[in-house]
Amino acid sequence: MNYIKRKTTAGQGRMAYFVSRRELACHLFPSPDPKLSVATLHRWIDGDPQLRQSLRRIGYQPRTRWFNRRIVETIQRFI
């Protein structure tokens, strides 16, 4: 997975790291169609209440297209 480096809106020279929802989904659920991988990721998150609660606690929104490092690490912990 390739993390995208971006400056945070808070400034102060901090960098934030993001990965696209599609890239993470394709990495976790390989499929010839990326849309199928993304749908599988969403079904998987929705089907696990403990994972969904952990993600919401750190700022996950269902329509988010870019995941920060904390969200990615949380998802990987539940695999």
PDB file of N, CA and C in Angstrom:
ATOM      1  N   MET A   1       0.843  -1.176   0.000  1.00  0.00           N
ATOM      2  CA  MET A   1       0.000   0.000   0.000  1.00  0.00           C
ATOM      3  C   MET A   1       0.884   1.234   0.000  1.00  0.00           C
ATOM      4  N   ASN A   2       0.468   2.189  -0.763  1.00  0.00           N
ATOM      5  CA  ASN A   2       1.208   3.440  -0.829  1.00  0.00           C
ATOM      6  C   ASN A   2       0.466   4.511  -0.052  1.00  0.00           C
ATOM      7  N   TYR A   3       1.102   4.981   0.986  1.00  0.00           N
ATOM      8  CA  TYR A   3       0.506   6.064   1.745  1.00  0.00           C
ATOM      9  C   TYR A   3       0.791   7.375   1.029  1.00  0.00           C
ATOM     10  N   ILE A   4      -0.197   8.255   1.000  1.00  0.00           N
ATOM     11  CA  ILE A   4      -0.051   9.592   0.434  1.00  0.00           C
ATOM     12  C   ILE A   4       0.286  10.524   1.587  1.00  0.00           C
ATOM     13  N   LYS A   5       1.316  11.315   1.414  1.00  0.00           N
ATOM     14  CA  LYS A   5       1.720  12.225   2.462  1.00  0.00           C
ATOM     15  C   LYS A   5       1.117  13.600   2.187  1.00  0.00           C
ATOM     16  N   ARG A   6       0.430  14.167   3.170  1.00  0.00           N
ATOM     17  CA  ARG A   6      -0.163  15.495   3.022  1.00  0.00           C
ATOM     18  C   ARG A   6       0.011  16.286   4.298  1.00  0.00           C
ATOM     19  N   LYS A   7       0.143  17.589   4.145  1.00  0.00           N
ATOM     20  CA  LYS A   7       0.200  18.442   5.326  1.00  0.00           C
ATOM     21  C   LYS A   7      -1.167  18.496   5.968  1.00  0.00           C
ATOM     22  N   THR A   8      -1.187  18.509   7.278  1.00  0.00           N
ATOM     23  CA  THR A   8      -2.463  18.585   7.968  1.00  0.00           C
ATOM     24  C   THR A   8      -3.002  20.006   7.878  1.00  0.00           C
ATOM     25  N   THR A   9      -4.282  20.151   8.042  1.00  0.00           N
ATOM     26  CA  THR A   9      -4.892  21.478   7.979  1.00  0.00           C
ATOM     27  C   THR A   9      -4.523  22.300   9.202  1.00  0.00           C
ATOM     28  N   ALA A  10      -4.122  21.622  10.272  1.00  0.00           N
ATOM     29  CA  ALA A  10      -3.724  22.339  11.480  1.00  0.00           C
ATOM     30  C   ALA A  10      -2.379  23.034  11.284  1.00  0.00           C
ATOM     31  N   GLY A  11      -1.679  22.660  10.233  1.00  0.00           N
ATOM     32  CA  GLY A  11      -0.383  23.281   9.960  1.00  0.00           C
ATOM     33  C   GLY A  11       0.690  22.751  10.889  1.00  0.00           C
ATOM     34  N   GLN A  12       1.478  23.612  11.427  1.00  0.00           N
ATOM     35  CA  GLN A  12       2.549  23.287  12.360  1.00  0.00           C
ATOM     36  C   GLN A  12       3.535  22.288  11.774  1.00  0.00           C
ATOM     37  N   GLY A  13       3.603  22.199  10.448  1.00  0.00           N
ATOM     38  CA  GLY A  13       4.582  21.343   9.798  1.00  0.00           C
ATOM     39  C   GLY A  13       4.333  19.860   9.935  1.00  0.00           C
ATOM     40  N   ARG A  14       3.210  19.464  10.476  1.00  0.00           N
ATOM     41  CA  ARG A  14       2.916  18.039  10.635  1.00  0.00           C
ATOM     42  C   ARG A  14       2.460  17.448   9.309  1.00  0.00           C
ATOM     43  N   MET A  15       2.785  16.184   9.123  1.00  0.00           N
ATOM     44  CA  MET A  15       2.357  15.472   7.925  1.00  0.00           C
ATOM     45  C   MET A  15       1.384  14.371   8.341  1.00  0.00           C
ATOM     46  N   ALA A  16       0.387  14.159   7.527  1.00  0.00           N
ATOM     47  CA  ALA A  16      -0.563  13.075   7.759  1.00  0.00           C
ATOM     48  C   ALA A  16      -0.414  12.081   6.612  1.00  0.00           C
ATOM     49  N   TYR A  17      -0.676  10.831   6.887  1.00  0.00           N
ATOM     50  CA  TYR A  17      -0.535   9.789   5.886  1.00  0.00           C
ATOM     51  C   TYR A  17      -1.899   9.173   5.614  1.00  0.00           C
ATOM     52  N   PHE A  18      -2.242   9.057   4.337  1.00  0.00           N
ATOM     53  CA  PHE A  18      -3.546   8.552   3.927  1.00  0.00           C
ATOM     54  C   PHE A  18      -3.384   7.458   2.884  1.00  0.00           C
ATOM     55  N   VAL A  19      -4.358   6.546   2.853  1.00  0.00           N
ATOM     56  CA  VAL A  19      -4.427   5.523   1.808  1.00  0.00           C
ATOM     57  C   VAL A  19      -5.865   5.543   1.296  1.00  0.00           C
ATOM     58  N   SER A  20      -6.027   5.352   0.006  1.00  0.00           N
ATOM     59  CA  SER A  20      -7.380   5.406  -0.557  1.00  0.00           C
ATOM     60  C   SER A  20      -8.176   4.179  -0.132  1.00  0.00           C
ATOM     61  N   ARG A  21      -9.475   4.374  -0.045  1.00  0.00           N
ATOM     62  CA  ARG A  21     -10.384   3.290   0.308  1.00  0.00           C
ATOM     63  C   ARG A  21     -10.262   2.149  -0.695  1.00  0.00           C
ATOM     64  N   ARG A  22     -10.168   2.500  -1.972  1.00  0.00           N
ATOM     65  CA  ARG A  22     -10.073   1.487  -3.028  1.00  0.00           C
ATOM     66  C   ARG A  22      -8.781   0.683  -2.913  1.00  0.00           C
ATOM     67  N   GLU A  23      -7.666   1.364  -2.661  1.00  0.00           N
ATOM     68  CA  GLU A  23      -6.395   0.656  -2.566  1.00  0.00           C
ATOM     69  C   GLU A  23      -6.385  -0.308  -1.376  1.00  0.00           C
ATOM     70  N   LEU A  24      -6.914   0.139  -0.244  1.00  0.00           N
ATOM     71  CA  LEU A  24      -6.977  -0.733   0.922  1.00  0.00           C
ATOM     72  C   LEU A  24      -7.896  -1.924   0.656  1.00  0.00           C
ATOM     73  N   ALA A  25      -9.053  -1.661   0.049  1.00  0.00           N
ATOM     74  CA  ALA A  25     -10.002  -2.739  -0.246  1.00  0.00           C
ATOM     75  C   ALA A  25      -9.387  -3.767  -1.195  1.00  0.00           C
ATOM     76  N   CYS A  26      -8.700  -3.296  -2.232  1.00  0.00           N
ATOM     77  CA  CYS A  26      -8.068  -4.223  -3.191  1.00  0.00           C
ATOM     78  C   CYS A  26      -6.937  -5.011  -2.541  1.00  0.00           C
ATOM     79  N   HIS A  27      -6.268  -4.402  -1.575  1.00  0.00           N
ATOM     80  CA  HIS A  27      -5.189  -5.079  -0.862  1.00  0.00           C
ATOM     81  C   HIS A  27      -5.758  -6.188   0.041  1.00  0.00           C
ATOM     82  N   LEU A  28      -6.877  -5.894   0.710  1.00  0.00           N
ATOM     83  CA  LEU A  28      -7.462  -6.856   1.643  1.00  0.00           C
ATOM     84  C   LEU A  28      -8.333  -7.911   0.966  1.00  0.00           C
ATOM     85  N   PHE A  29      -9.047  -7.496  -0.091  1.00  0.00           N
ATOM     86  CA  PHE A  29      -9.982  -8.381  -0.782  1.00  0.00           C
ATOM     87  C   PHE A  29      -9.704  -8.340  -2.278  1.00  0.00           C
ATOM     88  N   PRO A  30      -8.666  -9.024  -2.738  1.00  0.00           N
ATOM     89  CA  PRO A  30      -8.318  -8.990  -4.167  1.00  0.00           C
ATOM     90  C   PRO A  30      -9.483  -9.470  -5.041  1.00  0.00           C
ATOM     91  N   SER A  31      -9.723  -8.714  -6.087  1.00  0.00           N
ATOM     92  CA  SER A  31     -10.805  -9.035  -7.013  1.00  0.00           C
ATOM     93  C   SER A  31     -10.490  -8.361  -8.346  1.00  0.00           C
ATOM     94  N   PRO A  32     -10.945  -8.912  -9.453  1.00  0.00           N
ATOM     95  CA  PRO A  32     -10.716  -8.259 -10.748  1.00  0.00           C
ATOM     96  C   PRO A  32     -11.425  -6.901 -10.843  1.00  0.00           C
ATOM     97  N   ASP A  33     -12.510  -6.729 -10.074  1.00  0.00           N
ATOM     98  CA  ASP A  33     -13.258  -5.483 -10.103  1.00  0.00           C
ATOM     99  C   ASP A  33     -13.063  -4.733  -8.781  1.00  0.00           C
ATOM    100  N   PRO A  34     -12.415  -3.564  -8.806  1.00  0.00           N
ATOM    101  CA  PRO A  34     -12.195  -2.805  -7.568  1.00  0.00           C
ATOM    102  C   PRO A  34     -13.495  -2.434  -6.843  1.00  0.00           C
ATOM    103  N   LYS A  35     -14.578  -2.235  -7.583  1.00  0.00           N
ATOM    104  CA  LYS A  35     -15.858  -1.897  -6.941  1.00  0.00           C
ATOM    105  C   LYS A  35     -16.327  -3.036  -6.045  1.00  0.00           C
ATOM    106  N   LEU A  36     -16.086  -4.264  -6.470  1.00  0.00           N
ATOM    107  CA  LEU A  36     -16.449  -5.431  -5.675  1.00  0.00           C
ATOM    108  C   LEU A  36     -15.617  -5.480  -4.392  1.00  0.00           C
ATOM    109  N   SER A  37     -14.337  -5.146  -4.511  1.00  0.00           N
ATOM    110  CA  SER A  37     -13.465  -5.120  -3.329  1.00  0.00           C
ATOM    111  C   SER A  37     -13.941  -4.078  -2.322  1.00  0.00           C
ATOM    112  N   VAL A  38     -14.306  -2.889  -2.800  1.00  0.00           N
ATOM    113  CA  VAL A  38     -14.788  -1.826  -1.911  1.00  0.00           C
ATOM    114  C   VAL A  38     -16.101  -2.240  -1.252  1.00  0.00           C
ATOM    115  N   ALA A  39     -17.005  -2.843  -2.024  1.00  0.00           N
ATOM    116  CA  ALA A  39     -18.279  -3.302  -1.469  1.00  0.00           C
ATOM    117  C   ALA A  39     -18.056  -4.370  -0.398  1.00  0.00           C
ATOM    118  N   THR A  40     -17.111  -5.254  -0.635  1.00  0.00           N
ATOM    119  CA  THR A  40     -16.787  -6.296   0.343  1.00  0.00           C
ATOM    120  C   THR A  40     -16.236  -5.683   1.620  1.00  0.00           C
ATOM    121  N   LEU A  41     -15.371  -4.679   1.485  1.00  0.00           N
ATOM    122  CA  LEU A  41     -14.830  -3.987   2.663  1.00  0.00           C
ATOM    123  C   LEU A  41     -15.954  -3.347   3.463  1.00  0.00           C
ATOM    124  N   HIS A  42     -16.883  -2.672   2.793  1.00  0.00           N
ATOM    125  CA  HIS A  42     -18.002  -2.041   3.504  1.00  0.00           C
ATOM    126  C   HIS A  42     -18.889  -3.073   4.194  1.00  0.00           C
ATOM    127  N   ARG A  43     -19.177  -4.183   3.512  1.00  0.00           N
ATOM    128  CA  ARG A  43     -19.989  -5.242   4.130  1.00  0.00           C
ATOM    129  C   ARG A  43     -19.281  -5.826   5.346  1.00  0.00           C
ATOM    130  N   TRP A  44     -17.977  -5.969   5.239  1.00  0.00           N
ATOM    131  CA  TRP A  44     -17.197  -6.536   6.319  1.00  0.00           C
ATOM    132  C   TRP A  44     -17.214  -5.601   7.534  1.00  0.00           C
ATOM    133  N   ILE A  45     -17.049  -4.296   7.299  1.00  0.00           N
ATOM    134  CA  ILE A  45     -17.083  -3.321   8.392  1.00  0.00           C
ATOM    135  C   ILE A  45     -18.476  -3.279   9.016  1.00  0.00           C
ATOM    136  N   ASP A  46     -19.513  -3.242   8.181  1.00  0.00           N
ATOM    137  CA  ASP A  46     -20.887  -3.186   8.686  1.00  0.00           C
ATOM    138  C   ASP A  46     -21.272  -4.455   9.435  1.00  0.00           C
ATOM    139  N   GLY A  47     -20.681  -5.568   9.085  1.00  0.00           N
ATOM    140  CA  GLY A  47     -21.016  -6.844   9.707  1.00  0.00           C
ATOM    141  C   GLY A  47     -20.334  -7.106  11.030  1.00  0.00           C
ATOM    142  N   ASP A  48     -19.379  -6.267  11.402  1.00  0.00           N
ATOM    143  CA  ASP A  48     -18.654  -6.459  12.653  1.00  0.00           C
ATOM    144  C   ASP A  48     -18.888  -5.244  13.557  1.00  0.00           C
ATOM    145  N   PRO A  49     -19.820  -5.337  14.498  1.00  0.00           N
ATOM    146  CA  PRO A  49     -20.156  -4.184  15.340  1.00  0.00           C
ATOM    147  C   PRO A  49     -18.973  -3.665  16.159  1.00  0.00           C
ATOM    148  N   GLN A  50     -18.113  -4.562  16.601  1.00  0.00           N
ATOM    149  CA  GLN A  50     -16.962  -4.141  17.400  1.00  0.00           C
ATOM    150  C   GLN A  50     -15.981  -3.329  16.548  1.00  0.00           C
ATOM    151  N   LEU A  51     -15.737  -3.774  15.326  1.00  0.00           N
ATOM    152  CA  LEU A  51     -14.873  -3.029  14.412  1.00  0.00           C
ATOM    153  C   LEU A  51     -15.505  -1.680  14.077  1.00  0.00           C
ATOM    154  N   ARG A  52     -16.785  -1.679  13.751  1.00  0.00           N
ATOM    155  CA  ARG A  52     -17.478  -0.444  13.396  1.00  0.00           C
ATOM    156  C   ARG A  52     -17.412   0.569  14.536  1.00  0.00           C
ATOM    157  N   GLN A  53     -17.600   0.104  15.765  1.00  0.00           N
ATOM    158  CA  GLN A  53     -17.537   0.986  16.925  1.00  0.00           C
ATOM    159  C   GLN A  53     -16.124   1.541  17.120  1.00  0.00           C
ATOM    160  N   SER A  54     -15.118   0.699  16.955  1.00  0.00           N
ATOM    161  CA  SER A  54     -13.726   1.156  17.081  1.00  0.00           C
ATOM    162  C   SER A  54     -13.389   2.201  16.026  1.00  0.00           C
ATOM    163  N   LEU A  55     -13.858   1.966  14.806  1.00  0.00           N
ATOM    164  CA  LEU A  55     -13.588   2.917  13.725  1.00  0.00           C
ATOM    165  C   LEU A  55     -14.304   4.246  13.955  1.00  0.00           C
ATOM    166  N   ARG A  56     -15.545   4.195  14.378  1.00  0.00           N
ATOM    167  CA  ARG A  56     -16.298   5.437  14.622  1.00  0.00           C
ATOM    168  C   ARG A  56     -15.643   6.263  15.725  1.00  0.00           C
ATOM    169  N   ARG A  57     -15.087   5.568  16.723  1.00  0.00           N
ATOM    170  CA  ARG A  57     -14.434   6.247  17.836  1.00  0.00           C
ATOM    171  C   ARG A  57     -13.233   7.077  17.360  1.00  0.00           C
ATOM    172  N   ILE A  58     -12.573   6.633  16.280  1.00  0.00           N
ATOM    173  CA  ILE A  58     -11.392   7.367  15.804  1.00  0.00           C
ATOM    174  C   ILE A  58     -11.688   8.228  14.580  1.00  0.00           C
ATOM    175  N   GLY A  59     -12.982   8.385  14.244  1.00  0.00           N
ATOM    176  CA  GLY A  59     -13.342   9.335  13.209  1.00  0.00           C
ATOM    177  C   GLY A  59     -13.744   8.777  11.862  1.00  0.00           C
ATOM    178  N   TYR A  60     -13.950   7.485  11.760  1.00  0.00           N
ATOM    179  CA  TYR A  60     -14.367   6.884  10.492  1.00  0.00           C
ATOM    180  C   TYR A  60     -15.788   7.300  10.139  1.00  0.00           C
ATOM    181  N   GLN A  61     -15.997   7.646   8.882  1.00  0.00           N
ATOM    182  CA  GLN A  61     -17.324   7.920   8.337  1.00  0.00           C
ATOM    183  C   GLN A  61     -17.527   6.957   7.168  1.00  0.00           C
ATOM    184  N   PRO A  62     -18.719   6.378   6.994  1.00  0.00           N
ATOM    185  CA  PRO A  62     -18.937   5.376   5.943  1.00  0.00           C
ATOM    186  C   PRO A  62     -18.598   5.848   4.534  1.00  0.00           C
ATOM    187  N   ARG A  63     -18.710   7.108   4.231  1.00  0.00           N
ATOM    188  CA  ARG A  63     -18.444   7.619   2.878  1.00  0.00           C
ATOM    189  C   ARG A  63     -17.022   8.133   2.685  1.00  0.00           C
ATOM    190  N   THR A  64     -16.164   7.924   3.667  1.00  0.00           N
ATOM    191  CA  THR A  64     -14.786   8.400   3.592  1.00  0.00           C
ATOM    192  C   THR A  64     -14.039   7.728   2.443  1.00  0.00           C
ATOM    193  N   ARG A  65     -13.348   8.512   1.638  1.00  0.00           N
ATOM    194  CA  ARG A  65     -12.585   7.957   0.514  1.00  0.00           C
ATOM    195  C   ARG A  65     -11.109   7.776   0.835  1.00  0.00           C
ATOM    196  N   TRP A  66     -10.626   8.493   1.828  1.00  0.00           N
ATOM    197  CA  TRP A  66      -9.225   8.399   2.235  1.00  0.00           C
ATOM    198  C   TRP A  66      -9.168   8.020   3.700  1.00  0.00           C
ATOM    199  N   PHE A  67      -8.386   6.993   4.003  1.00  0.00           N
ATOM    200  CA  PHE A  67      -8.244   6.524   5.378  1.00  0.00           C
ATOM    201  C   PHE A  67      -6.893   6.964   5.925  1.00  0.00           C
ATOM    202  N   ASN A  68      -6.912   7.465   7.160  1.00  0.00           N
ATOM    203  CA  ASN A  68      -5.642   7.815   7.787  1.00  0.00           C
ATOM    204  C   ASN A  68      -4.999   6.563   8.380  1.00  0.00           C
ATOM    205  N   ARG A  69      -3.816   6.725   8.886  1.00  0.00           N
ATOM    206  CA  ARG A  69      -3.049   5.576   9.376  1.00  0.00           C
ATOM    207  C   ARG A  69      -3.760   4.861  10.521  1.00  0.00           C
ATOM    208  N   ARG A  70      -4.399   5.607  11.414  1.00  0.00           N
ATOM    209  CA  ARG A  70      -5.075   4.982  12.560  1.00  0.00           C
ATOM    210  C   ARG A  70      -6.228   4.086  12.100  1.00  0.00           C
ATOM    211  N   ILE A  71      -6.972   4.533  11.094  1.00  0.00           N
ATOM    212  CA  ILE A  71      -8.086   3.735  10.587  1.00  0.00           C
ATOM    213  C   ILE A  71      -7.564   2.456   9.932  1.00  0.00           C
ATOM    214  N   VAL A  72      -6.517   2.583   9.131  1.00  0.00           N
ATOM    215  CA  VAL A  72      -5.938   1.413   8.466  1.00  0.00           C
ATOM    216  C   VAL A  72      -5.411   0.413   9.495  1.00  0.00           C
ATOM    217  N   GLU A  73      -4.727   0.900  10.504  1.00  0.00           N
ATOM    218  CA  GLU A  73      -4.189   0.005  11.536  1.00  0.00           C
ATOM    219  C   GLU A  73      -5.308  -0.685  12.309  1.00  0.00           C
ATOM    220  N   THR A  74      -6.397   0.023  12.562  1.00  0.00           N
ATOM    221  CA  THR A  74      -7.532  -0.582  13.261  1.00  0.00           C
ATOM    222  C   THR A  74      -8.152  -1.684  12.420  1.00  0.00           C
ATOM    223  N   ILE A  75      -8.348  -1.429  11.140  1.00  0.00           N
ATOM    224  CA  ILE A  75      -8.908  -2.457  10.249  1.00  0.00           C
ATOM    225  C   ILE A  75      -7.993  -3.668  10.191  1.00  0.00           C
ATOM    226  N   GLN A  76      -6.695  -3.451  10.080  1.00  0.00           N
ATOM    227  CA  GLN A  76      -5.748  -4.563  10.004  1.00  0.00           C
ATOM    228  C   GLN A  76      -5.716  -5.370  11.294  1.00  0.00           C
ATOM    229  N   ARG A  77      -5.939  -4.726  12.430  1.00  0.00           N
ATOM    230  CA  ARG A  77      -5.976  -5.453  13.710  1.00  0.00           C
ATOM    231  C   ARG A  77      -7.139  -6.436  13.764  1.00  0.00           C
ATOM    232  N   PHE A  78      -8.233  -6.106  13.104  1.00  0.00           N
ATOM    233  CA  PHE A  78      -9.424  -6.951  13.152  1.00  0.00           C
ATOM    234  C   PHE A  78      -9.412  -8.066  12.116  1.00  0.00           C
ATOM    235  N   ILE A  79      -8.434  -8.113  11.258  1.00  0.00           N
ATOM    236  CA  ILE A  79      -8.378  -9.160  10.233  1.00  0.00           C
ATOM    237  C   ILE A  79      -7.993 -10.488  10.867  1.00  0.00           C
TER     238      ILE A  79
END
